[in-house]
Full PDB file with SEQRES, HELIX, SHEET, SSBOND, CRYST1, ORIGX, SCALE, CONECT and MASTER records, all heavy atoms in Angstrom:
SEQRES   1 A   39  VAL ALA VAL ILE GLY ALA GLY THR MET GLY ILE GLY ILE          
SEQRES   2 A   39  ALA GLN VAL ALA ALA SER ALA GLY LEU ARG VAL LEU LEU          
SEQRES   3 A   39  PHE ASP VAL ASN GLN GLU VAL LEU ARG HIS SER LEU THR          
HELIX    1 AA1 THR A    8  SER A   19  1                                  12    
HELIX    2 AA2 GLN A   31  LEU A   38  1                                   8    
SHEET    1 AA1 2 ALA A   2  ILE A   4  0                                        
SHEET    2 AA1 2 LEU A  25  PHE A  27  1                                        
CRYST1    1.000    1.000    1.000  90.00  90.00  90.00 P 1           1          
ORIGX1      1.000000  0.000000  0.000000        0.00000                         
ORIGX2      0.000000  1.000000  0.000000        0.00000                         
ORIGX3      0.000000  0.000000  1.000000        0.00000                         
SCALE1      1.000000  0.000000  0.000000        0.00000                         
SCALE2      0.000000  1.000000  0.000000        0.00000                         
SCALE3      0.000000  0.000000  1.000000        0.00000                         
ATOM      1  N   VAL A   1     235.370  25.372 130.360  1.00  0.00           N  
ATOM      2  CA  VAL A   1     235.455  24.255 131.327  1.00  0.00           C  
ATOM      3  C   VAL A   1     236.617  24.505 132.260  1.00  0.00           C  
ATOM      4  O   VAL A   1     237.715  24.813 131.804  1.00  0.00           O  
ATOM      5  CB  VAL A   1     235.677  22.902 130.608  1.00  0.00           C  
ATOM      6  CG1 VAL A   1     235.869  21.781 131.623  1.00  0.00           C  
ATOM      7  CG2 VAL A   1     234.509  22.599 129.668  1.00  0.00           C  
ATOM      8  N   ALA A   2     236.334  24.404 133.544  1.00  0.00           N  
ATOM      9  CA  ALA A   2     237.376  24.526 134.555  1.00  0.00           C  
ATOM     10  C   ALA A   2     237.757  23.138 135.002  1.00  0.00           C  
ATOM     11  O   ALA A   2     236.896  22.274 135.232  1.00  0.00           O  
ATOM     12  CB  ALA A   2     236.890  25.388 135.735  1.00  0.00           C  
ATOM     13  N   VAL A   3     239.033  22.902 135.138  1.00  0.00           N  
ATOM     14  CA  VAL A   3     239.529  21.628 135.642  1.00  0.00           C  
ATOM     15  C   VAL A   3     240.339  21.878 136.898  1.00  0.00           C  
ATOM     16  O   VAL A   3     241.302  22.680 136.892  1.00  0.00           O  
ATOM     17  CB  VAL A   3     240.401  20.895 134.583  1.00  0.00           C  
ATOM     18  CG1 VAL A   3     240.940  19.572 135.169  1.00  0.00           C  
ATOM     19  CG2 VAL A   3     239.602  20.610 133.329  1.00  0.00           C  
ATOM     20  N   ILE A   4     239.995  21.234 137.992  1.00  0.00           N  
ATOM     21  CA  ILE A   4     240.688  21.405 139.260  1.00  0.00           C  
ATOM     22  C   ILE A   4     241.534  20.177 139.510  1.00  0.00           C  
ATOM     23  O   ILE A   4     240.991  19.068 139.641  1.00  0.00           O  
ATOM     24  CB  ILE A   4     239.692  21.638 140.425  1.00  0.00           C  
ATOM     25  CG1 ILE A   4     238.850  22.875 140.139  1.00  0.00           C  
ATOM     26  CG2 ILE A   4     240.419  21.760 141.749  1.00  0.00           C  
ATOM     27  CD1 ILE A   4     237.753  23.110 141.179  1.00  0.00           C  
ATOM     28  N   GLY A   5     242.834  20.399 139.590  1.00  0.00           N  
ATOM     29  CA  GLY A   5     243.773  19.283 139.747  1.00  0.00           C  
ATOM     30  C   GLY A   5     244.553  19.091 138.464  1.00  0.00           C  
ATOM     31  O   GLY A   5     243.996  18.808 137.413  1.00  0.00           O  
ATOM     32  N   ALA A   6     245.869  19.276 138.547  1.00  0.00           N  
ATOM     33  CA  ALA A   6     246.695  19.175 137.344  1.00  0.00           C  
ATOM     34  C   ALA A   6     247.608  17.929 137.369  1.00  0.00           C  
ATOM     35  O   ALA A   6     248.702  17.935 136.798  1.00  0.00           O  
ATOM     36  CB  ALA A   6     247.594  20.436 137.234  1.00  0.00           C  
ATOM     37  N   GLY A   7     247.149  16.860 138.011  1.00  0.00           N  
ATOM     38  CA  GLY A   7     247.836  15.587 137.954  1.00  0.00           C  
ATOM     39  C   GLY A   7     247.607  14.915 136.652  1.00  0.00           C  
ATOM     40  O   GLY A   7     247.160  15.540 135.679  1.00  0.00           O  
ATOM     41  N   THR A   8     247.905  13.629 136.589  1.00  0.00           N  
ATOM     42  CA  THR A   8     247.783  12.879 135.331  1.00  0.00           C  
ATOM     43  C   THR A   8     246.389  12.982 134.754  1.00  0.00           C  
ATOM     44  O   THR A   8     246.197  13.237 133.544  1.00  0.00           O  
ATOM     45  CB  THR A   8     248.164  11.427 135.532  1.00  0.00           C  
ATOM     46  OG1 THR A   8     249.500  11.349 136.059  1.00  0.00           O  
ATOM     47  CG2 THR A   8     248.084  10.611 134.266  1.00  0.00           C  
ATOM     48  N   MET A   9     245.377  12.766 135.573  1.00  0.00           N  
ATOM     49  CA  MET A   9     244.012  12.802 135.072  1.00  0.00           C  
ATOM     50  C   MET A   9     243.563  14.194 134.726  1.00  0.00           C  
ATOM     51  O   MET A   9     242.942  14.446 133.684  1.00  0.00           O  
ATOM     52  CB  MET A   9     243.041  12.181 136.092  1.00  0.00           C  
ATOM     53  CG  MET A   9     243.159  10.653 136.206  1.00  0.00           C  
ATOM     54  SD  MET A   9     243.035   9.761 134.663  1.00  0.00           S  
ATOM     55  CE  MET A   9     241.431  10.268 134.079  1.00  0.00           C  
ATOM     56  N   GLY A  10     243.874  15.165 135.588  1.00  0.00           N  
ATOM     57  CA  GLY A  10     243.432  16.555 135.372  1.00  0.00           C  
ATOM     58  C   GLY A  10     244.005  17.136 134.074  1.00  0.00           C  
ATOM     59  O   GLY A  10     243.246  17.727 133.274  1.00  0.00           O  
ATOM     60  N   ILE A  11     245.267  16.951 133.859  1.00  0.00           N  
ATOM     61  CA  ILE A  11     245.885  17.493 132.660  1.00  0.00           C  
ATOM     62  C   ILE A  11     245.388  16.800 131.396  1.00  0.00           C  
ATOM     63  O   ILE A  11     245.201  17.405 130.358  1.00  0.00           O  
ATOM     64  CB  ILE A  11     247.445  17.426 132.745  1.00  0.00           C  
ATOM     65  CG1 ILE A  11     248.078  18.411 131.754  1.00  0.00           C  
ATOM     66  CG2 ILE A  11     247.959  16.036 132.526  1.00  0.00           C  
ATOM     67  CD1 ILE A  11     247.963  19.856 132.134  1.00  0.00           C  
ATOM     68  N   GLY A  12     245.054  15.478 131.570  1.00  0.00           N  
ATOM     69  CA  GLY A  12     244.473  14.738 130.426  1.00  0.00           C  
ATOM     70  C   GLY A  12     243.105  15.206 130.073  1.00  0.00           C  
ATOM     71  O   GLY A  12     242.744  15.364 128.889  1.00  0.00           O  
ATOM     72  N   ILE A  13     242.306  15.472 131.111  1.00  0.00           N  
ATOM     73  CA  ILE A  13     240.947  15.991 130.875  1.00  0.00           C  
ATOM     74  C   ILE A  13     240.987  17.382 130.250  1.00  0.00           C  
ATOM     75  O   ILE A  13     240.216  17.709 129.337  1.00  0.00           O  
ATOM     76  CB  ILE A  13     240.146  16.002 132.171  1.00  0.00           C  
ATOM     77  CG1 ILE A  13     239.913  14.579 132.684  1.00  0.00           C  
ATOM     78  CG2 ILE A  13     238.793  16.711 132.004  1.00  0.00           C  
ATOM     79  CD1 ILE A  13     239.374  14.472 134.091  1.00  0.00           C  
ATOM     80  N   ALA A  14     241.925  18.215 130.704  1.00  0.00           N  
ATOM     81  CA  ALA A  14     242.097  19.551 130.147  1.00  0.00           C  
ATOM     82  C   ALA A  14     242.432  19.464 128.660  1.00  0.00           C  
ATOM     83  O   ALA A  14     241.922  20.226 127.837  1.00  0.00           O  
ATOM     84  CB  ALA A  14     243.183  20.286 130.925  1.00  0.00           C  
ATOM     85  N   GLN A  15     243.300  18.494 128.307  1.00  0.00           N  
ATOM     86  CA  GLN A  15     243.655  18.334 126.898  1.00  0.00           C  
ATOM     87  C   GLN A  15     242.450  17.884 126.079  1.00  0.00           C  
ATOM     88  O   GLN A  15     242.259  18.383 124.940  1.00  0.00           O  
ATOM     89  CB  GLN A  15     244.761  17.283 126.782  1.00  0.00           C  
ATOM     90  CG  GLN A  15     245.233  17.008 125.326  1.00  0.00           C  
ATOM     91  CD  GLN A  15     246.296  15.968 125.255  1.00  0.00           C  
ATOM     92  OE1 GLN A  15     247.106  15.785 126.158  1.00  0.00           O  
ATOM     93  NE2 GLN A  15     246.333  15.223 124.121  1.00  0.00           N  
ATOM     94  N   VAL A  16     241.629  16.996 126.630  1.00  0.00           N  
ATOM     95  CA  VAL A  16     240.441  16.543 125.918  1.00  0.00           C  
ATOM     96  C   VAL A  16     239.506  17.707 125.622  1.00  0.00           C  
ATOM     97  O   VAL A  16     239.014  17.862 124.476  1.00  0.00           O  
ATOM     98  CB  VAL A  16     239.719  15.430 126.715  1.00  0.00           C  
ATOM     99  CG1 VAL A  16     238.338  15.129 126.136  1.00  0.00           C  
ATOM    100  CG2 VAL A  16     240.561  14.149 126.780  1.00  0.00           C  
ATOM    101  N   ALA A  17     239.232  18.511 126.607  1.00  0.00           N  
ATOM    102  CA  ALA A  17     238.306  19.640 126.439  1.00  0.00           C  
ATOM    103  C   ALA A  17     238.861  20.672 125.500  1.00  0.00           C  
ATOM    104  O   ALA A  17     238.138  21.194 124.608  1.00  0.00           O  
ATOM    105  CB  ALA A  17     238.029  20.284 127.815  1.00  0.00           C  
ATOM    106  N   ALA A  18     240.166  20.942 125.591  1.00  0.00           N  
ATOM    107  CA  ALA A  18     240.788  21.938 124.724  1.00  0.00           C  
ATOM    108  C   ALA A  18     240.822  21.414 123.266  1.00  0.00           C  
ATOM    109  O   ALA A  18     240.665  22.237 122.331  1.00  0.00           O  
ATOM    110  CB  ALA A  18     242.214  22.239 125.192  1.00  0.00           C  
ATOM    111  N   SER A  19     240.987  20.128 123.085  1.00  0.00           N  
ATOM    112  CA  SER A  19     240.993  19.551 121.753  1.00  0.00           C  
ATOM    113  C   SER A  19     239.657  19.684 121.074  1.00  0.00           C  
ATOM    114  O   SER A  19     239.547  19.696 119.838  1.00  0.00           O  
ATOM    115  CB  SER A  19     241.391  18.086 121.802  1.00  0.00           C  
ATOM    116  OG  SER A  19     242.702  17.927 122.292  1.00  0.00           O  
ATOM    117  N   ALA A  20     238.599  19.835 121.889  1.00  0.00           N  
ATOM    118  CA  ALA A  20     237.251  20.028 121.341  1.00  0.00           C  
ATOM    119  C   ALA A  20     236.974  21.504 121.091  1.00  0.00           C  
ATOM    120  O   ALA A  20     235.834  21.843 120.731  1.00  0.00           O  
ATOM    121  CB  ALA A  20     236.237  19.422 122.319  1.00  0.00           C  
ATOM    122  N   GLY A  21     237.933  22.348 121.303  1.00  0.00           N  
ATOM    123  CA  GLY A  21     237.806  23.774 121.031  1.00  0.00           C  
ATOM    124  C   GLY A  21     237.250  24.576 122.189  1.00  0.00           C  
ATOM    125  O   GLY A  21     236.927  25.788 122.011  1.00  0.00           O  
ATOM    126  N   LEU A  22     237.129  23.964 123.371  1.00  0.00           N  
ATOM    127  CA  LEU A  22     236.610  24.714 124.521  1.00  0.00           C  
ATOM    128  C   LEU A  22     237.725  25.456 125.229  1.00  0.00           C  
ATOM    129  O   LEU A  22     238.884  25.049 125.227  1.00  0.00           O  
ATOM    130  CB  LEU A  22     235.934  23.736 125.480  1.00  0.00           C  
ATOM    131  CG  LEU A  22     234.762  22.952 124.953  1.00  0.00           C  
ATOM    132  CD1 LEU A  22     234.207  22.024 126.065  1.00  0.00           C  
ATOM    133  CD2 LEU A  22     233.679  23.815 124.438  1.00  0.00           C  
ATOM    134  N   ARG A  23     237.348  26.573 125.835  1.00  0.00           N  
ATOM    135  CA  ARG A  23     238.271  27.290 126.677  1.00  0.00           C  
ATOM    136  C   ARG A  23     238.430  26.531 127.989  1.00  0.00           C  
ATOM    137  O   ARG A  23     237.438  26.124 128.602  1.00  0.00           O  
ATOM    138  CB  ARG A  23     237.778  28.714 126.920  1.00  0.00           C  
ATOM    139  CG  ARG A  23     238.711  29.558 127.799  1.00  0.00           C  
ATOM    140  CD  ARG A  23     238.017  30.858 128.184  1.00  0.00           C  
ATOM    141  NE  ARG A  23     238.853  31.611 129.119  1.00  0.00           N  
ATOM    142  CZ  ARG A  23     238.383  32.487 130.006  1.00  0.00           C  
ATOM    143  NH1 ARG A  23     237.091  32.718 130.068  1.00  0.00           N  
ATOM    144  NH2 ARG A  23     239.197  33.099 130.780  1.00  0.00           N  
ATOM    145  N   VAL A  24     239.647  26.328 128.449  1.00  0.00           N  
ATOM    146  CA  VAL A  24     239.909  25.543 129.643  1.00  0.00           C  
ATOM    147  C   VAL A  24     240.655  26.420 130.682  1.00  0.00           C  
ATOM    148  O   VAL A  24     241.696  27.004 130.363  1.00  0.00           O  
ATOM    149  CB  VAL A  24     240.753  24.277 129.336  1.00  0.00           C  
ATOM    150  CG1 VAL A  24     241.033  23.520 130.614  1.00  0.00           C  
ATOM    151  CG2 VAL A  24     240.005  23.383 128.325  1.00  0.00           C  
ATOM    152  N   LEU A  25     240.127  26.410 131.881  1.00  0.00           N  
ATOM    153  CA  LEU A  25     240.792  27.054 133.001  1.00  0.00           C  
ATOM    154  C   LEU A  25     241.329  25.955 133.898  1.00  0.00           C  
ATOM    155  O   LEU A  25     240.556  25.140 134.428  1.00  0.00           O  
ATOM    156  CB  LEU A  25     239.817  27.949 133.822  1.00  0.00           C  
ATOM    157  CG  LEU A  25     239.128  29.056 133.002  1.00  0.00           C  
ATOM    158  CD1 LEU A  25     238.076  29.752 133.856  1.00  0.00           C  
ATOM    159  CD2 LEU A  25     240.172  30.080 132.538  1.00  0.00           C  
ATOM    160  N   LEU A  26     242.643  25.909 134.080  1.00  0.00           N  
ATOM    161  CA  LEU A  26     243.279  24.835 134.832  1.00  0.00           C  
ATOM    162  C   LEU A  26     243.805  25.356 136.174  1.00  0.00           C  
ATOM    163  O   LEU A  26     244.555  26.314 136.217  1.00  0.00           O  
ATOM    164  CB  LEU A  26     244.444  24.217 134.044  1.00  0.00           C  
ATOM    165  CG  LEU A  26     245.157  23.024 134.602  1.00  0.00           C  
ATOM    166  CD1 LEU A  26     244.200  21.834 134.788  1.00  0.00           C  
ATOM    167  CD2 LEU A  26     246.299  22.605 133.687  1.00  0.00           C  
ATOM    168  N   PHE A  27     243.380  24.704 137.270  1.00  0.00           N  
ATOM    169  CA  PHE A  27     243.780  25.154 138.600  1.00  0.00           C  
ATOM    170  C   PHE A  27     244.317  23.993 139.441  1.00  0.00           C  
ATOM    171  O   PHE A  27     243.789  22.885 139.351  1.00  0.00           O  
ATOM    172  CB  PHE A  27     242.595  25.788 139.320  1.00  0.00           C  
ATOM    173  CG  PHE A  27     242.894  26.101 140.768  1.00  0.00           C  
ATOM    174  CD1 PHE A  27     243.720  27.195 141.113  1.00  0.00           C  
ATOM    175  CD2 PHE A  27     242.395  25.314 141.793  1.00  0.00           C  
ATOM    176  CE1 PHE A  27     243.986  27.482 142.444  1.00  0.00           C  
ATOM    177  CE2 PHE A  27     242.675  25.596 143.119  1.00  0.00           C  
ATOM    178  CZ  PHE A  27     243.473  26.665 143.437  1.00  0.00           C  
ATOM    179  N   ASP A  28     245.335  24.292 140.190  1.00  0.00           N  
ATOM    180  CA  ASP A  28     245.843  23.336 141.161  1.00  0.00           C  
ATOM    181  C   ASP A  28     246.425  24.147 142.348  1.00  0.00           C  
ATOM    182  O   ASP A  28     247.058  25.189 142.105  1.00  0.00           O  
ATOM    183  CB  ASP A  28     246.944  22.426 140.564  1.00  0.00           C  
ATOM    184  CG  ASP A  28     247.248  21.201 141.408  1.00  0.00           C  
ATOM    185  OD1 ASP A  28     247.714  21.334 142.561  1.00  0.00           O  
ATOM    186  OD2 ASP A  28     247.063  20.094 140.899  1.00  0.00           O  
ATOM    187  N   VAL A  29     246.164  23.679 143.548  1.00  0.00           N  
ATOM    188  CA  VAL A  29     246.691  24.410 144.689  1.00  0.00           C  
ATOM    189  C   VAL A  29     248.199  24.416 144.671  1.00  0.00           C  
ATOM    190  O   VAL A  29     248.811  25.351 145.227  1.00  0.00           O  
ATOM    191  CB  VAL A  29     246.200  23.781 146.022  1.00  0.00           C  
ATOM    192  CG1 VAL A  29     244.701  24.014 146.197  1.00  0.00           C  
ATOM    193  CG2 VAL A  29     246.526  22.272 146.085  1.00  0.00           C  
ATOM    194  N   ASN A  30     248.813  23.456 144.040  1.00  0.00           N  
ATOM    195  CA  ASN A  30     250.267  23.431 143.897  1.00  0.00           C  
ATOM    196  C   ASN A  30     250.606  23.939 142.525  1.00  0.00           C  
ATOM    197  O   ASN A  30     250.570  23.229 141.517  1.00  0.00           O  
ATOM    198  CB  ASN A  30     250.772  21.975 144.107  1.00  0.00           C  
ATOM    199  CG  ASN A  30     252.300  21.900 144.165  1.00  0.00           C  
ATOM    200  OD1 ASN A  30     253.006  22.681 143.552  1.00  0.00           O  
ATOM    201  ND2 ASN A  30     252.790  20.986 144.991  1.00  0.00           N  
ATOM    202  N   GLN A  31     250.963  25.194 142.451  1.00  0.00           N  
ATOM    203  CA  GLN A  31     251.247  25.816 141.167  1.00  0.00           C  
ATOM    204  C   GLN A  31     252.454  25.223 140.490  1.00  0.00           C  
ATOM    205  O   GLN A  31     252.557  25.213 139.250  1.00  0.00           O  
ATOM    206  CB  GLN A  31     251.454  27.343 141.341  1.00  0.00           C  
ATOM    207  CG  GLN A  31     250.164  28.063 141.736  1.00  0.00           C  
ATOM    208  CD  GLN A  31     249.194  28.184 140.614  1.00  0.00           C  
ATOM    209  OE1 GLN A  31     249.483  28.723 139.546  1.00  0.00           O  
ATOM    210  NE2 GLN A  31     247.948  27.712 140.824  1.00  0.00           N  
ATOM    211  N   GLU A  32     253.401  24.697 141.266  1.00  0.00           N  
ATOM    212  CA  GLU A  32     254.584  24.053 140.674  1.00  0.00           C  
ATOM    213  C   GLU A  32     254.194  22.783 139.937  1.00  0.00           C  
ATOM    214  O   GLU A  32     254.669  22.519 138.804  1.00  0.00           O  
ATOM    215  CB  GLU A  32     255.585  23.726 141.783  1.00  0.00           C  
ATOM    216  CG  GLU A  32     256.898  23.170 141.237  1.00  0.00           C  
ATOM    217  CD  GLU A  32     257.946  22.904 142.333  1.00  0.00           C  
ATOM    218  OE1 GLU A  32     257.784  23.476 143.429  1.00  0.00           O  
ATOM    219  OE2 GLU A  32     258.879  22.130 142.059  1.00  0.00           O  
ATOM    220  N   VAL A  33     253.301  22.016 140.532  1.00  0.00           N  
ATOM    221  CA  VAL A  33     252.785  20.809 139.852  1.00  0.00           C  
ATOM    222  C   VAL A  33     252.087  21.163 138.555  1.00  0.00           C  
ATOM    223  O   VAL A  33     252.217  20.532 137.534  1.00  0.00           O  
ATOM    224  CB  VAL A  33     251.833  20.033 140.799  1.00  0.00           C  
ATOM    225  CG1 VAL A  33     251.067  18.955 140.007  1.00  0.00           C  
ATOM    226  CG2 VAL A  33     252.617  19.382 141.931  1.00  0.00           C  
ATOM    227  N   LEU A  34     251.291  22.254 138.638  1.00  0.00           N  
ATOM    228  CA  LEU A  34     250.549  22.742 137.486  1.00  0.00           C  
ATOM    229  C   LEU A  34     251.480  23.116 136.328  1.00  0.00           C  
ATOM    230  O   LEU A  34     251.285  22.662 135.169  1.00  0.00           O  
ATOM    231  CB  LEU A  34     249.691  23.909 137.872  1.00  0.00           C  
ATOM    232  CG  LEU A  34     248.585  24.340 136.895  1.00  0.00           C  
ATOM    233  CD1 LEU A  34     247.434  25.100 137.580  1.00  0.00           C  
ATOM    234  CD2 LEU A  34     249.144  25.253 135.807  1.00  0.00           C  
ATOM    235  N   ARG A  35     252.485  23.901 136.645  1.00  0.00           N  
ATOM    236  CA  ARG A  35     253.477  24.317 135.613  1.00  0.00           C  
ATOM    237  C   ARG A  35     254.209  23.089 135.015  1.00  0.00           C  
ATOM    238  O   ARG A  35     254.393  23.037 133.798  1.00  0.00           O  
ATOM    239  CB  ARG A  35     254.450  25.320 136.165  1.00  0.00           C  
ATOM    240  CG  ARG A  35     253.865  26.712 136.428  1.00  0.00           C  
ATOM    241  CD  ARG A  35     254.994  27.686 136.727  1.00  0.00           C  
ATOM    242  NE  ARG A  35     255.621  27.387 138.031  1.00  0.00           N  
ATOM    243  CZ  ARG A  35     255.203  27.864 139.203  1.00  0.00           C  
ATOM    244  NH1 ARG A  35     254.149  28.654 139.277  1.00  0.00           N  
ATOM    245  NH2 ARG A  35     255.881  27.562 140.309  1.00  0.00           N  
ATOM    246  N   HIS A  36     254.573  22.154 135.895  1.00  0.00           N  
ATOM    247  CA  HIS A  36     255.308  20.986 135.414  1.00  0.00           C  
ATOM    248  C   HIS A  36     254.418  20.157 134.497  1.00  0.00           C  
ATOM    249  O   HIS A  36     254.876  19.696 133.422  1.00  0.00           O  
ATOM    250  CB  HIS A  36     255.728  20.161 136.636  1.00  0.00           C  
ATOM    251  CG  HIS A  36     256.432  18.871 136.271  1.00  0.00           C  
ATOM    252  ND1 HIS A  36     257.671  18.832 135.766  1.00  0.00           N  
ATOM    253  CD2 HIS A  36     255.952  17.557 136.321  1.00  0.00           C  
ATOM    254  CE1 HIS A  36     258.016  17.561 135.500  1.00  0.00           C  
ATOM    255  NE2 HIS A  36     257.000  16.791 135.835  1.00  0.00           N  
ATOM    256  N   SER A  37     253.148  19.981 134.867  1.00  0.00           N  
ATOM    257  CA  SER A  37     252.224  19.179 134.037  1.00  0.00           C  
ATOM    258  C   SER A  37     252.017  19.846 132.676  1.00  0.00           C  
ATOM    259  O   SER A  37     251.989  19.174 131.640  1.00  0.00           O  
ATOM    260  CB  SER A  37     250.888  19.006 134.761  1.00  0.00           C  
ATOM    261  OG  SER A  37     251.054  18.220 135.940  1.00  0.00           O  
ATOM    262  N   LEU A  38     251.845  21.174 132.688  1.00  0.00           N  
ATOM    263  CA  LEU A  38     251.630  21.892 131.430  1.00  0.00           C  
ATOM    264  C   LEU A  38     252.842  21.764 130.535  1.00  0.00           C  
ATOM    265  O   LEU A  38     252.758  21.586 129.306  1.00  0.00           O  
ATOM    266  CB  LEU A  38     251.307  23.333 131.697  1.00  0.00           C  
ATOM    267  CG  LEU A  38     249.825  23.706 131.875  1.00  0.00           C  
ATOM    268  CD1 LEU A  38     249.724  25.175 132.253  1.00  0.00           C  
ATOM    269  CD2 LEU A  38     249.040  23.404 130.624  1.00  0.00           C  
ATOM    270  N   THR A  39     254.013  21.887 131.122  1.00  0.00           N  
ATOM    271  CA  THR A  39     255.269  21.803 130.349  1.00  0.00           C  
ATOM    272  C   THR A  39     255.434  20.402 129.752  1.00  0.00           C  
ATOM    273  O   THR A  39     255.748  20.251 128.561  1.00  0.00           O  
ATOM    274  CB  THR A  39     256.502  22.109 131.273  1.00  0.00           C  
ATOM    275  OG1 THR A  39     256.387  23.417 131.762  1.00  0.00           O  
ATOM    276  CG2 THR A  39     257.792  21.960 130.468  1.00  0.00           C  
TER     277      THR A  39                                                      
MASTER        0    0    0    2    2    0    0    6  276    1    0    3          
END                                                                             
């Protein structure tokens, strides 16, 4: 599952999919926002 947007909703959806054992590709045009959300 690919998730585009690493804001509050995007990172939450990525967590839901990963919790189900799926591979998740997370993308955001703002890589700094992406790193901050993951951290």
